[in-house]
């Protein structure tokens, strides 16, 4: 009996993973992937053209926007894709569906983006400057996790991909506007851990960077939990 139950559970998980990969890779994701790569190549070429010496600080900054592009589509349009495909009613019929389906999807998206960033960092190591692939990709995942989770939360509130995209663009602009003012604080969503401000002790900067990462992770977890809570309200989606 336990073996049969385990087999059914694994079969369900396998089907969910297969479906969610179709959602992630389907639609417009490929265009966001190509746009992210093209944008990164453009920045790299312009930097070399202008005689800038690439380093870890430069690579992190150049990869930040492409990383956000990678997370943008699957998080902002995930709910709408389910609605358009008529699959949301089925998901609401699965006990604890929000954990079995959406948590699997969130994990798959973030893991996928992490491996893509490893590839982007690898390109940087070959053509720009040698960087620690794992460290660079891991550091980039903090703002990706934060912004991606925020987009997921807003998608459960707005329930429309285009509307969610507009809201996220507005918040992105706000974060950028305040980035310079918050440069020396851990509240900066786009904090570059490799960019030590002038006249600041490196040990102090490491402490600020650590607090920033904690802030981003905690904020992301709150966004995910609130989004999952919204997905319990079946009458607002069906």
C-alpha atoms as a PDB file:
ATOM      1  CA  UNK A   1       0.000   0.000   0.000  1.00  0.00           C
ATOM      2  CA  UNK A   2       2.787   2.421   0.949  1.00  0.00           C
ATOM      3  CA  UNK A   3       4.688   1.475  -2.202  1.00  0.00           C
ATOM      4  CA  UNK A   4       1.638   2.201  -4.366  1.00  0.00           C
ATOM      5  CA  UNK A   5       1.087   5.520  -2.594  1.00  0.00           C
ATOM      6  CA  UNK A   6       4.735   6.475  -3.083  1.00  0.00           C
ATOM      7  CA  UNK A   7       4.541   5.501  -6.753  1.00  0.00           C
ATOM      8  CA  UNK A   8       1.407   7.619  -7.266  1.00  0.00           C
ATOM      9  CA  UNK A   9       3.014  10.555  -5.481  1.00  0.00           C
ATOM     10  CA  UNK A  10       6.173  10.339  -7.588  1.00  0.00           C
ATOM     11  CA  UNK A  11       4.050  10.025 -10.724  1.00  0.00           C
ATOM     12  CA  UNK A  12       2.106  13.149  -9.739  1.00  0.00           C
ATOM     13  CA  UNK A  13       5.294  15.075  -9.038  1.00  0.00           C
ATOM     14  CA  UNK A  14       6.745  13.969 -12.374  1.00  0.00           C
ATOM     15  CA  UNK A  15       3.670  15.164 -14.241  1.00  0.00           C
ATOM     16  CA  UNK A  16       3.726  18.475 -12.391  1.00  0.00           C
ATOM     17  CA  UNK A  17       7.377  19.010 -13.259  1.00  0.00           C
ATOM     18  CA  UNK A  18       6.711  18.167 -16.898  1.00  0.00           C
ATOM     19  CA  UNK A  19       3.743  20.540 -17.056  1.00  0.00           C
ATOM     20  CA  UNK A  20       5.583  23.363 -15.316  1.00  0.00           C
ATOM     21  CA  UNK A  21       8.560  23.072 -17.643  1.00  0.00           C
ATOM     22  CA  UNK A  22       6.141  23.512 -20.543  1.00  0.00           C
ATOM     23  CA  UNK A  23       4.806  26.642 -18.837  1.00  0.00           C
ATOM     24  CA  UNK A  24       8.312  27.967 -18.143  1.00  0.00           C
ATOM     25  CA  UNK A  25       9.704  27.305 -21.613  1.00  0.00           C
ATOM     26  CA  UNK A  26       6.462  28.041 -23.447  1.00  0.00           C
ATOM     27  CA  UNK A  27       5.073  31.351 -24.654  1.00  0.00           C
ATOM     28  CA  UNK A  28       7.428  34.278 -24.577  1.00  0.00           C
ATOM     29  CA  UNK A  29      10.136  32.970 -22.243  1.00  0.00           C
ATOM     30  CA  UNK A  30      12.502  32.233 -25.107  1.00  0.00           C
ATOM     31  CA  UNK A  31      12.269  35.880 -26.191  1.00  0.00           C
ATOM     32  CA  UNK A  32      13.113  37.070 -22.689  1.00  0.00           C
ATOM     33  CA  UNK A  33      16.080  34.678 -22.673  1.00  0.00           C
ATOM     34  CA  UNK A  34      17.353  35.973 -26.009  1.00  0.00           C
ATOM     35  CA  UNK A  35      16.765  39.568 -24.919  1.00  0.00           C
ATOM     36  CA  UNK A  36      18.702  38.987 -21.710  1.00  0.00           C
ATOM     37  CA  UNK A  37      21.652  37.519 -23.576  1.00  0.00           C
ATOM     38  CA  UNK A  38      21.575  40.229 -26.250  1.00  0.00           C
ATOM     39  CA  UNK A  39      21.462  42.952 -23.613  1.00  0.00           C
ATOM     40  CA  UNK A  40      24.418  41.434 -21.779  1.00  0.00           C
ATOM     41  CA  UNK A  41      26.454  41.086 -24.975  1.00  0.00           C
ATOM     42  CA  UNK A  42      25.701  44.723 -25.845  1.00  0.00           C
ATOM     43  CA  UNK A  43      26.900  45.948 -22.424  1.00  0.00           C
ATOM     44  CA  UNK A  44      30.054  43.830 -22.645  1.00  0.00           C
ATOM     45  CA  UNK A  45      30.907  45.067 -26.138  1.00  0.00           C
ATOM     46  CA  UNK A  46      30.327  48.702 -25.179  1.00  0.00           C
ATOM     47  CA  UNK A  47      32.518  48.289 -22.088  1.00  0.00           C
ATOM     48  CA  UNK A  48      35.399  46.839 -24.087  1.00  0.00           C
ATOM     49  CA  UNK A  49      34.902  49.462 -26.799  1.00  0.00           C
ATOM     50  CA  UNK A  50      35.179  52.261 -24.238  1.00  0.00           C
ATOM     51  CA  UNK A  51      38.325  50.748 -22.765  1.00  0.00           C
ATOM     52  CA  UNK A  52      36.757  49.771 -19.449  1.00  0.00           C
ATOM     53  CA  UNK A  53      38.556  47.066 -17.521  1.00  0.00           C
ATOM     54  CA  UNK A  54      36.005  44.370 -16.598  1.00  0.00           C
ATOM     55  CA  UNK A  55      36.120  42.977 -13.077  1.00  0.00           C
ATOM     56  CA  UNK A  56      33.741  41.230 -10.666  1.00  0.00           C
ATOM     57  CA  UNK A  57      31.961  44.498  -9.923  1.00  0.00           C
ATOM     58  CA  UNK A  58      31.366  45.128 -13.620  1.00  0.00           C
ATOM     59  CA  UNK A  59      30.194  41.579 -14.373  1.00  0.00           C
ATOM     60  CA  UNK A  60      27.699  41.632 -11.493  1.00  0.00           C
ATOM     61  CA  UNK A  61      26.278  44.976 -12.595  1.00  0.00           C
ATOM     62  CA  UNK A  62      26.087  43.899 -16.233  1.00  0.00           C
ATOM     63  CA  UNK A  63      24.297  40.666 -15.341  1.00  0.00           C
ATOM     64  CA  UNK A  64      21.744  42.157 -12.949  1.00  0.00           C
ATOM     65  CA  UNK A  65      19.264  43.343 -15.570  1.00  0.00           C
ATOM     66  CA  UNK A  66      19.547  40.194 -17.744  1.00  0.00           C
ATOM     67  CA  UNK A  67      18.956  38.119 -14.587  1.00  0.00           C
ATOM     68  CA  UNK A  68      15.771  40.069 -13.875  1.00  0.00           C
ATOM     69  CA  UNK A  69      14.620  39.548 -17.464  1.00  0.00           C
ATOM     70  CA  UNK A  70      15.033  35.789 -17.025  1.00  0.00           C
ATOM     71  CA  UNK A  71      12.738  35.729 -13.978  1.00  0.00           C
ATOM     72  CA  UNK A  72      10.264  38.285 -15.347  1.00  0.00           C
ATOM     73  CA  UNK A  73       8.085  36.228 -17.688  1.00  0.00           C
ATOM     74  CA  UNK A  74       7.491  33.009 -15.716  1.00  0.00           C
ATOM     75  CA  UNK A  75       6.639  34.932 -12.542  1.00  0.00           C
ATOM     76  CA  UNK A  76       4.433  37.660 -13.993  1.00  0.00           C
ATOM     77  CA  UNK A  77       2.514  35.521 -16.476  1.00  0.00           C
ATOM     78  CA  UNK A  78       2.326  32.207 -14.587  1.00  0.00           C
ATOM     79  CA  UNK A  79      -1.162  32.716 -13.127  1.00  0.00           C
ATOM     80  CA  UNK A  80      -2.541  34.135 -16.361  1.00  0.00           C
ATOM     81  CA  UNK A  81      -1.138  31.205 -18.342  1.00  0.00           C
ATOM     82  CA  UNK A  82      -2.970  28.822 -16.012  1.00  0.00           C
ATOM     83  CA  UNK A  83      -6.180  30.807 -16.414  1.00  0.00           C
ATOM     84  CA  UNK A  84      -5.852  30.928 -20.199  1.00  0.00           C
ATOM     85  CA  UNK A  85      -5.138  27.203 -20.372  1.00  0.00           C
ATOM     86  CA  UNK A  86      -8.117  26.418 -18.135  1.00  0.00           C
ATOM     87  CA  UNK A  87      -5.834  24.513 -15.797  1.00  0.00           C
ATOM     88  CA  UNK A  88      -6.449  26.608 -12.681  1.00  0.00           C
ATOM     89  CA  UNK A  89      -9.771  24.870 -11.901  1.00  0.00           C
ATOM     90  CA  UNK A  90      -7.948  21.513 -11.924  1.00  0.00           C
ATOM     91  CA  UNK A  91      -5.234  22.876  -9.641  1.00  0.00           C
ATOM     92  CA  UNK A  92      -7.823  24.023  -7.118  1.00  0.00           C
ATOM     93  CA  UNK A  93      -9.159  20.471  -7.063  1.00  0.00           C
ATOM     94  CA  UNK A  94      -5.835  19.023  -5.908  1.00  0.00           C
ATOM     95  CA  UNK A  95      -5.508  18.850  -2.096  1.00  0.00           C
ATOM     96  CA  UNK A  96      -2.852  21.335  -0.942  1.00  0.00           C
ATOM     97  CA  UNK A  97      -2.334  22.132  -4.635  1.00  0.00           C
ATOM     98  CA  UNK A  98      -0.551  25.365  -3.837  1.00  0.00           C
ATOM     99  CA  UNK A  99       2.326  23.382  -2.341  1.00  0.00           C
ATOM    100  CA  UNK A 100       2.377  20.529  -4.815  1.00  0.00           C
ATOM    101  CA  UNK A 101       2.177  22.682  -7.930  1.00  0.00           C
ATOM    102  CA  UNK A 102       3.186  26.273  -7.295  1.00  0.00           C
ATOM    103  CA  UNK A 103       6.063  25.548  -4.946  1.00  0.00           C
ATOM    104  CA  UNK A 104       7.381  23.063  -7.487  1.00  0.00           C
ATOM    105  CA  UNK A 105       7.052  25.713 -10.175  1.00  0.00           C
ATOM    106  CA  UNK A 106       8.778  28.382  -8.103  1.00  0.00           C
ATOM    107  CA  UNK A 107      11.661  26.047  -7.315  1.00  0.00           C
ATOM    108  CA  UNK A 108      11.966  25.021 -10.973  1.00  0.00           C
ATOM    109  CA  UNK A 109      12.007  28.630 -12.145  1.00  0.00           C
ATOM    110  CA  UNK A 110      14.659  29.735  -9.666  1.00  0.00           C
ATOM    111  CA  UNK A 111      16.816  26.661 -10.324  1.00  0.00           C
ATOM    112  CA  UNK A 112      16.518  27.230 -14.077  1.00  0.00           C
ATOM    113  CA  UNK A 113      17.522  30.885 -13.745  1.00  0.00           C
ATOM    114  CA  UNK A 114      20.462  29.915 -11.524  1.00  0.00           C
ATOM    115  CA  UNK A 115      21.835  27.534 -14.151  1.00  0.00           C
ATOM    116  CA  UNK A 116      21.305  30.114 -16.886  1.00  0.00           C
ATOM    117  CA  UNK A 117      23.249  32.633 -14.810  1.00  0.00           C
ATOM    118  CA  UNK A 118      26.027  30.080 -14.435  1.00  0.00           C
ATOM    119  CA  UNK A 119      26.148  30.006 -18.225  1.00  0.00           C
ATOM    120  CA  UNK A 120      26.195  33.799 -18.479  1.00  0.00           C
ATOM    121  CA  UNK A 121      28.956  33.966 -15.851  1.00  0.00           C
ATOM    122  CA  UNK A 122      30.855  31.324 -17.823  1.00  0.00           C
ATOM    123  CA  UNK A 123      30.649  33.496 -20.935  1.00  0.00           C
ATOM    124  CA  UNK A 124      32.007  36.376 -18.852  1.00  0.00           C
ATOM    125  CA  UNK A 125      34.930  34.269 -17.666  1.00  0.00           C
ATOM    126  CA  UNK A 126      35.820  33.389 -21.239  1.00  0.00           C
ATOM    127  CA  UNK A 127      35.412  36.750 -22.950  1.00  0.00           C
ATOM    128  CA  UNK A 128      35.708  39.378 -20.203  1.00  0.00           C
ATOM    129  CA  UNK A 129      37.427  38.441 -16.963  1.00  0.00           C
ATOM    130  CA  UNK A 130      37.766  35.345 -14.848  1.00  0.00           C
ATOM    131  CA  UNK A 131      35.068  35.188 -12.167  1.00  0.00           C
ATOM    132  CA  UNK A 132      33.961  32.635  -9.607  1.00  0.00           C
ATOM    133  CA  UNK A 133      30.942  31.178 -11.424  1.00  0.00           C
ATOM    134  CA  UNK A 134      29.244  29.828  -8.311  1.00  0.00           C
ATOM    135  CA  UNK A 135      29.748  32.965  -6.233  1.00  0.00           C
ATOM    136  CA  UNK A 136      28.682  35.312  -9.021  1.00  0.00           C
ATOM    137  CA  UNK A 137      25.534  33.330  -9.815  1.00  0.00           C
ATOM    138  CA  UNK A 138      24.660  32.901  -6.137  1.00  0.00           C
ATOM    139  CA  UNK A 139      24.991  36.627  -5.441  1.00  0.00           C
ATOM    140  CA  UNK A 140      22.792  37.463  -8.434  1.00  0.00           C
ATOM    141  CA  UNK A 141      20.114  35.086  -7.165  1.00  0.00           C
ATOM    142  CA  UNK A 142      19.373  37.285  -4.141  1.00  0.00           C
ATOM    143  CA  UNK A 143      17.777  40.167  -6.094  1.00  0.00           C
ATOM    144  CA  UNK A 144      16.315  37.615  -8.515  1.00  0.00           C
ATOM    145  CA  UNK A 145      14.681  35.728  -5.631  1.00  0.00           C
ATOM    146  CA  UNK A 146      13.357  38.970  -4.133  1.00  0.00           C
ATOM    147  CA  UNK A 147      11.955  40.480  -7.342  1.00  0.00           C
ATOM    148  CA  UNK A 148      10.724  37.148  -8.674  1.00  0.00           C
ATOM    149  CA  UNK A 149       8.827  36.442  -5.449  1.00  0.00           C
ATOM    150  CA  UNK A 150       7.387  39.961  -5.505  1.00  0.00           C
ATOM    151  CA  UNK A 151       6.182  39.406  -9.072  1.00  0.00           C
ATOM    152  CA  UNK A 152       4.603  36.101  -8.030  1.00  0.00           C
ATOM    153  CA  UNK A 153       2.778  37.814  -5.156  1.00  0.00           C
ATOM    154  CA  UNK A 154       1.434  40.602  -7.380  1.00  0.00           C
ATOM    155  CA  UNK A 155       0.366  38.060 -10.005  1.00  0.00           C
ATOM    156  CA  UNK A 156      -1.875  36.404  -7.391  1.00  0.00           C
ATOM    157  CA  UNK A 157      -3.398  39.799  -6.563  1.00  0.00           C
ATOM    158  CA  UNK A 158      -3.798  41.249 -10.070  1.00  0.00           C
ATOM    159  CA  UNK A 159      -4.350  37.915 -11.865  1.00  0.00           C
ATOM    160  CA  UNK A 160      -3.264  39.441 -15.164  1.00  0.00           C
ATOM    161  CA  UNK A 161       0.192  39.153 -16.691  1.00  0.00           C
ATOM    162  CA  UNK A 162       0.265  42.559 -18.367  1.00  0.00           C
ATOM    163  CA  UNK A 163      -1.018  44.284 -15.244  1.00  0.00           C
ATOM    164  CA  UNK A 164       1.553  42.532 -13.096  1.00  0.00           C
ATOM    165  CA  UNK A 165       4.291  43.480 -15.557  1.00  0.00           C
ATOM    166  CA  UNK A 166       3.309  47.163 -15.336  1.00  0.00           C
ATOM    167  CA  UNK A 167       3.348  47.090 -11.530  1.00  0.00           C
ATOM    168  CA  UNK A 168       6.746  45.389 -11.453  1.00  0.00           C
ATOM    169  CA  UNK A 169       8.201  47.903 -13.915  1.00  0.00           C
ATOM    170  CA  UNK A 170       6.955  50.728 -11.679  1.00  0.00           C
ATOM    171  CA  UNK A 171       8.532  49.148  -8.598  1.00  0.00           C
ATOM    172  CA  UNK A 172      11.723  48.489 -10.548  1.00  0.00           C
ATOM    173  CA  UNK A 173      11.964  52.151 -11.496  1.00  0.00           C
ATOM    174  CA  UNK A 174      11.353  53.164  -7.871  1.00  0.00           C
ATOM    175  CA  UNK A 175      14.097  50.813  -6.669  1.00  0.00           C
ATOM    176  CA  UNK A 176      16.476  52.250  -9.269  1.00  0.00           C
ATOM    177  CA  UNK A 177      15.632  55.857  -8.363  1.00  0.00           C
ATOM    178  CA  UNK A 178      16.465  55.212  -4.712  1.00  0.00           C
ATOM    179  CA  UNK A 179      19.458  52.960  -5.455  1.00  0.00           C
ATOM    180  CA  UNK A 180      21.996  55.796  -5.250  1.00  0.00           C
ATOM    181  CA  UNK A 181      20.507  57.225  -2.061  1.00  0.00           C
ATOM    182  CA  UNK A 182      20.544  53.757  -0.466  1.00  0.00           C
ATOM    183  CA  UNK A 183      23.948  52.795  -1.893  1.00  0.00           C
ATOM    184  CA  UNK A 184      25.616  52.531   1.519  1.00  0.00           C
ATOM    185  CA  UNK A 185      22.693  50.796   3.250  1.00  0.00           C
ATOM    186  CA  UNK A 186      21.386  47.242   3.230  1.00  0.00           C
ATOM    187  CA  UNK A 187      17.986  48.451   1.944  1.00  0.00           C
ATOM    188  CA  UNK A 188      19.304  48.738  -1.616  1.00  0.00           C
ATOM    189  CA  UNK A 189      17.644  45.980  -3.655  1.00  0.00           C
ATOM    190  CA  UNK A 190      20.306  46.339  -6.356  1.00  0.00           C
ATOM    191  CA  UNK A 191      23.258  46.412  -3.977  1.00  0.00           C
ATOM    192  CA  UNK A 192      26.439  45.219  -5.688  1.00  0.00           C
ATOM    193  CA  UNK A 193      28.462  43.256  -3.104  1.00  0.00           C
ATOM    194  CA  UNK A 194      31.601  43.563  -5.233  1.00  0.00           C
ATOM    195  CA  UNK A 195      31.420  47.365  -5.307  1.00  0.00           C
ATOM    196  CA  UNK A 196      32.937  48.657  -2.090  1.00  0.00           C
ATOM    197  CA  UNK A 197      32.016  52.377  -1.675  1.00  0.00           C
ATOM    198  CA  UNK A 198      34.833  54.866  -1.338  1.00  0.00           C
ATOM    199  CA  UNK A 199      36.099  55.567   2.161  1.00  0.00           C
ATOM    200  CA  UNK A 200      34.334  52.538   3.579  1.00  0.00           C
ATOM    201  CA  UNK A 201      36.054  49.712   5.390  1.00  0.00           C
ATOM    202  CA  UNK A 202      35.744  46.383   3.569  1.00  0.00           C
ATOM    203  CA  UNK A 203      34.758  44.553   6.753  1.00  0.00           C
ATOM    204  CA  UNK A 204      31.951  47.057   7.349  1.00  0.00           C
ATOM    205  CA  UNK A 205      30.821  46.665   3.729  1.00  0.00           C
ATOM    206  CA  UNK A 206      30.728  42.886   4.079  1.00  0.00           C
ATOM    207  CA  UNK A 207      28.438  43.317   7.084  1.00  0.00           C
ATOM    208  CA  UNK A 208      26.127  45.611   5.125  1.00  0.00           C
ATOM    209  CA  UNK A 209      26.100  43.175   2.185  1.00  0.00           C
ATOM    210  CA  UNK A 210      25.237  40.291   4.526  1.00  0.00           C
ATOM    211  CA  UNK A 211      22.344  42.247   6.067  1.00  0.00           C
ATOM    212  CA  UNK A 212      21.163  43.111   2.568  1.00  0.00           C
ATOM    213  CA  UNK A 213      21.079  39.446   1.571  1.00  0.00           C
ATOM    214  CA  UNK A 214      19.135  38.587   4.726  1.00  0.00           C
ATOM    215  CA  UNK A 215      16.687  41.405   3.981  1.00  0.00           C
ATOM    216  CA  UNK A 216      16.164  40.161   0.399  1.00  0.00           C
ATOM    217  CA  UNK A 217      15.636  36.545   1.459  1.00  0.00           C
ATOM    218  CA  UNK A 218      13.212  37.410   4.259  1.00  0.00           C
ATOM    219  CA  UNK A 219      11.285  39.767   1.959  1.00  0.00           C
ATOM    220  CA  UNK A 220      11.119  37.098  -0.757  1.00  0.00           C
ATOM    221  CA  UNK A 221       9.804  34.487   1.687  1.00  0.00           C
ATOM    222  CA  UNK A 222       7.102  36.894   2.865  1.00  0.00           C
ATOM    223  CA  UNK A 223       6.079  37.538  -0.746  1.00  0.00           C
ATOM    224  CA  UNK A 224       5.903  33.805  -1.505  1.00  0.00           C
ATOM    225  CA  UNK A 225       3.840  33.023   1.603  1.00  0.00           C
ATOM    226  CA  UNK A 226       1.444  35.882   0.894  1.00  0.00           C
ATOM    227  CA  UNK A 227       1.096  34.753  -2.710  1.00  0.00           C
ATOM    228  CA  UNK A 228       0.325  31.194  -1.641  1.00  0.00           C
ATOM    229  CA  UNK A 229      -2.205  32.542   0.849  1.00  0.00           C
ATOM    230  CA  UNK A 230      -3.927  34.441  -1.971  1.00  0.00           C
ATOM    231  CA  UNK A 231      -4.099  31.256  -4.021  1.00  0.00           C
ATOM    232  CA  UNK A 232      -6.308  29.701  -1.351  1.00  0.00           C
ATOM    233  CA  UNK A 233      -9.097  32.099  -2.302  1.00  0.00           C
ATOM    234  CA  UNK A 234     -10.591  30.016  -5.074  1.00  0.00           C
ATOM    235  CA  UNK A 235     -13.585  32.308  -5.717  1.00  0.00           C
ATOM    236  CA  UNK A 236     -11.268  35.150  -6.776  1.00  0.00           C
ATOM    237  CA  UNK A 237      -9.711  33.103  -9.570  1.00  0.00           C
ATOM    238  CA  UNK A 238     -12.479  30.891 -10.944  1.00  0.00           C
END
